[in-house]
Amino acid sequence: MEKKMKFKFDWYSSPDRIEEWLEEMEEQGYNLYKISKLGGIFHFYKGTPRKIKYAIDYYYDAEEDYFNKHRSRGWNLIFRSIGSFVGTSSWYVWTKAYEDVPPKLYSDLDKKDKVKSILFMNLFLFTILVAIFIYLLFTEIRNLFNGYGVDICTIALQIMLLILYLVQLYKRIMYYLRIKNLNK
């Protein structure tokens, strides 16, 4: 049995694209059988092409009702991320086989509201982090001009982290805009 492993470490910022990619892999006969514990490595085996709908969901403080609701409608949970640092929020990957019309985990309106709340939470967190990094960066630069010993590597690392956070924020905004424009 042929197996294939794919790395997608940044899929949390564009879950819609990962859903599409996973569905395309299934259509090509690469059946997903495992996602690594941290979620960045996808394991497939070569099987038969299938029509599988993937739905990636972010949920805060999921209780048994959350799981029962989706399972009762025929969805199978195949992945749950480790809780985030913000609390007990996690990413979930649900699947459902279908014949003709791909099913939806949520209505388009519910999905738009969910993605909007995720974006605003990320904007709040990223704004705080960016403000901290900018403050630390200016402190290091001020120390450099005042003749104090400054580690150039620290400044370079702060600039790289700031750019990384801004790129992540940009990706999340683009995801929100793609979802916002669904069925317009």
Protein backbone atom coordinates (compact mmCIF):
# COMPACT_ATOMS: atom_id res chain seq x y z
CA MET A 1 0.00 0.00 0.00
CA GLU A 2 1.48 3.31 -1.12
CA LYS A 3 1.63 5.96 1.60
CA LYS A 4 2.21 9.67 1.23
CA MET A 5 3.02 12.33 3.80
CA LYS A 6 2.44 16.06 3.19
CA PHE A 7 3.54 18.98 5.33
CA LYS A 8 1.16 21.92 5.78
CA PHE A 9 2.31 23.71 8.90
CA ASP A 10 0.42 26.96 8.41
CA TRP A 11 -3.01 25.58 7.58
CA TYR A 12 -4.76 27.25 10.52
CA SER A 13 -4.59 30.62 8.77
CA SER A 14 -6.36 29.34 5.62
CA PRO A 15 -8.62 26.45 6.61
CA ASP A 16 -10.79 26.87 3.52
CA ARG A 17 -7.83 26.15 1.27
CA ILE A 18 -6.87 23.07 3.29
CA GLU A 19 -10.44 21.78 3.00
CA GLU A 20 -10.23 22.15 -0.79
CA TRP A 21 -6.79 20.53 -0.90
CA LEU A 22 -7.91 17.54 1.20
CA GLU A 23 -10.97 17.06 -1.01
CA GLU A 24 -8.77 17.15 -4.13
CA MET A 25 -6.44 14.56 -2.58
CA GLU A 26 -9.46 12.30 -1.94
CA GLU A 27 -10.62 12.74 -5.56
CA GLN A 28 -7.14 11.60 -6.68
CA GLY A 29 -7.44 8.51 -4.49
CA TYR A 30 -5.20 9.65 -1.64
CA ASN A 31 -7.26 8.87 1.44
CA LEU A 32 -6.41 10.74 4.62
CA TYR A 33 -5.91 8.39 7.55
CA LYS A 34 -4.06 10.53 10.08
CA ILE A 35 -3.10 14.08 10.99
CA SER A 36 -0.14 14.56 13.33
CA LYS A 37 -0.84 15.67 16.91
CA LEU A 38 0.28 19.23 16.19
CA GLY A 39 -1.65 19.27 12.92
CA GLY A 40 1.13 20.03 10.45
CA ILE A 41 1.65 16.62 8.87
CA PHE A 42 -1.05 14.87 6.84
CA HIS A 43 -0.78 11.12 6.18
CA PHE A 44 -2.47 9.49 3.18
CA TYR A 45 -2.60 6.05 1.65
CA LYS A 46 -3.32 5.35 -2.00
CA GLY A 47 -6.82 3.98 -2.20
CA THR A 48 -9.85 4.66 -4.32
CA PRO A 49 -11.13 8.12 -5.19
CA ARG A 50 -13.87 9.23 -2.81
CA LYS A 51 -16.23 12.15 -2.46
CA ILE A 52 -15.44 13.37 1.04
CA LYS A 53 -16.36 16.80 2.35
CA TYR A 54 -13.90 18.24 4.85
CA ALA A 55 -14.95 20.93 7.27
CA ILE A 56 -12.47 22.67 9.55
CA ASP A 57 -14.00 24.28 12.59
CA TYR A 58 -12.63 26.42 15.40
CA TYR A 59 -14.55 26.15 18.62
CA TYR A 60 -14.07 27.53 22.10
CA ASP A 61 -14.88 25.35 25.11
CA ALA A 62 -16.58 22.55 23.17
CA GLU A 63 -18.91 20.43 25.27
CA GLU A 64 -20.40 17.04 24.46
CA ASP A 65 -23.40 18.74 22.79
CA TYR A 66 -21.07 20.21 20.13
CA PHE A 67 -19.79 16.75 19.17
CA ASN A 68 -23.21 15.05 19.40
CA LYS A 69 -24.80 17.69 17.13
CA HIS A 70 -22.33 17.06 14.31
CA ARG A 71 -22.19 13.27 14.76
CA SER A 72 -25.99 13.03 14.66
CA ARG A 73 -25.88 14.69 11.23
CA GLY A 74 -23.34 12.12 9.96
CA TRP A 75 -20.07 14.00 10.44
CA ASN A 76 -16.95 12.18 11.67
CA LEU A 77 -14.31 13.91 13.78
CA ILE A 78 -10.82 12.99 12.57
CA PHE A 79 -8.68 15.65 14.26
CA ARG A 80 -8.73 17.86 17.33
CA SER A 81 -5.86 20.27 17.92
CA ILE A 82 -4.20 20.76 21.25
CA GLY A 83 -5.98 23.60 23.09
CA SER A 84 -4.67 27.08 22.45
CA PHE A 85 -3.00 29.36 24.98
CA VAL A 86 -6.16 31.48 25.12
CA GLY A 87 -8.18 28.79 26.83
CA THR A 88 -9.76 25.57 25.74
CA SER A 89 -10.29 26.55 22.11
CA SER A 90 -9.30 24.01 19.49
CA TRP A 91 -9.39 23.32 15.77
CA TYR A 92 -11.49 20.37 14.62
CA VAL A 93 -11.44 18.55 11.29
CA TRP A 94 -14.73 16.89 10.38
CA THR A 95 -15.46 14.64 7.39
CA LYS A 96 -18.56 13.36 5.68
CA ALA A 97 -18.95 11.17 2.59
CA TYR A 98 -21.48 12.31 0.01
CA GLU A 99 -22.90 11.32 -3.37
CA ASP A 100 -24.01 14.42 -5.28
CA VAL A 101 -24.15 17.64 -3.26
CA PRO A 102 -21.36 18.40 -0.78
CA PRO A 103 -22.80 18.85 2.72
CA LYS A 104 -22.12 21.85 4.96
CA LEU A 105 -21.16 21.72 8.62
CA TYR A 106 -22.71 25.17 9.09
CA SER A 107 -24.85 27.45 6.99
CA ASP A 108 -22.93 30.13 5.09
CA LEU A 109 -24.21 32.80 7.47
CA ASP A 110 -23.14 30.82 10.56
CA LYS A 111 -19.73 30.21 9.01
CA LYS A 112 -19.29 33.91 8.22
CA ASP A 113 -20.17 34.85 11.80
CA LYS A 114 -17.76 32.23 13.17
CA VAL A 115 -14.89 33.38 10.94
CA LYS A 116 -15.61 37.02 11.83
CA SER A 117 -15.33 36.27 15.56
CA ILE A 118 -12.06 34.38 14.98
CA LEU A 119 -10.70 37.32 12.99
CA PHE A 120 -11.58 39.85 15.68
CA MET A 121 -9.99 37.69 18.37
CA ASN A 122 -6.86 37.39 16.24
CA LEU A 123 -6.83 41.13 15.51
CA PHE A 124 -6.98 41.84 19.24
CA LEU A 125 -4.18 39.38 20.08
CA PHE A 126 -1.99 40.37 17.14
CA THR A 127 -2.42 44.06 17.91
CA ILE A 128 -1.17 43.49 21.44
CA LEU A 129 1.76 41.38 20.24
CA VAL A 130 2.71 43.83 17.50
CA ALA A 131 2.58 46.72 19.99
CA ILE A 132 4.87 44.82 22.36
CA PHE A 133 7.34 43.97 19.60
CA ILE A 134 7.38 47.54 18.29
CA TYR A 135 7.99 48.87 21.81
CA LEU A 136 10.83 46.39 22.40
CA LEU A 137 12.32 47.14 18.99
CA PHE A 138 12.33 50.91 19.59
CA THR A 139 13.82 50.36 23.04
CA GLU A 140 16.67 48.36 21.52
CA ILE A 141 17.23 50.95 18.79
CA ARG A 142 17.20 53.79 21.34
CA ASN A 143 19.76 51.90 23.42
CA LEU A 144 21.89 51.46 20.31
CA PHE A 145 21.92 55.22 19.61
CA ASN A 146 22.62 56.04 23.28
CA GLY A 147 25.79 53.96 23.22
CA TYR A 148 24.59 51.05 25.33
CA GLY A 149 25.52 47.54 24.39
CA VAL A 150 22.87 46.16 22.08
CA ASP A 151 22.63 42.76 20.51
CA ILE A 152 21.98 43.20 16.80
CA CYS A 153 20.67 39.62 16.71
CA THR A 154 17.93 40.63 19.16
CA ILE A 155 16.86 43.50 16.93
CA ALA A 156 16.91 41.25 13.86
CA LEU A 157 14.86 38.62 15.69
CA GLN A 158 12.29 41.20 16.79
CA ILE A 159 11.97 42.51 13.24
CA MET A 160 11.53 38.96 11.91
CA LEU A 161 8.88 38.16 14.53
CA LEU A 162 7.05 41.38 13.75
CA ILE A 163 7.02 40.51 10.04
CA LEU A 164 5.86 36.97 10.84
CA TYR A 165 2.95 38.27 12.92
CA LEU A 166 1.97 40.75 10.24
CA VAL A 167 2.00 38.00 7.58
CA GLN A 168 -0.20 35.81 9.79
CA LEU A 169 -2.61 38.66 10.34
CA TYR A 170 -2.74 39.33 6.59
CA LYS A 171 -3.54 35.64 5.91
CA ARG A 172 -6.34 35.67 8.45
CA ILE A 173 -7.83 38.84 6.97
CA MET A 174 -7.70 37.29 3.48
CA TYR A 175 -9.44 34.16 4.83
CA TYR A 176 -12.16 36.32 6.35
CA LEU A 177 -12.64 38.22 3.07
CA ARG A 178 -12.93 34.94 1.10
CA ILE A 179 -15.56 33.61 3.50
CA LYS A 180 -17.36 36.97 3.64
CA ASN A 181 -17.82 36.88 -0.12
CA LEU A 182 -19.40 33.39 -0.14
CA ASN A 183 -22.57 33.27 -2.23
CA LYS A 184 -22.77 37.03 -2.82
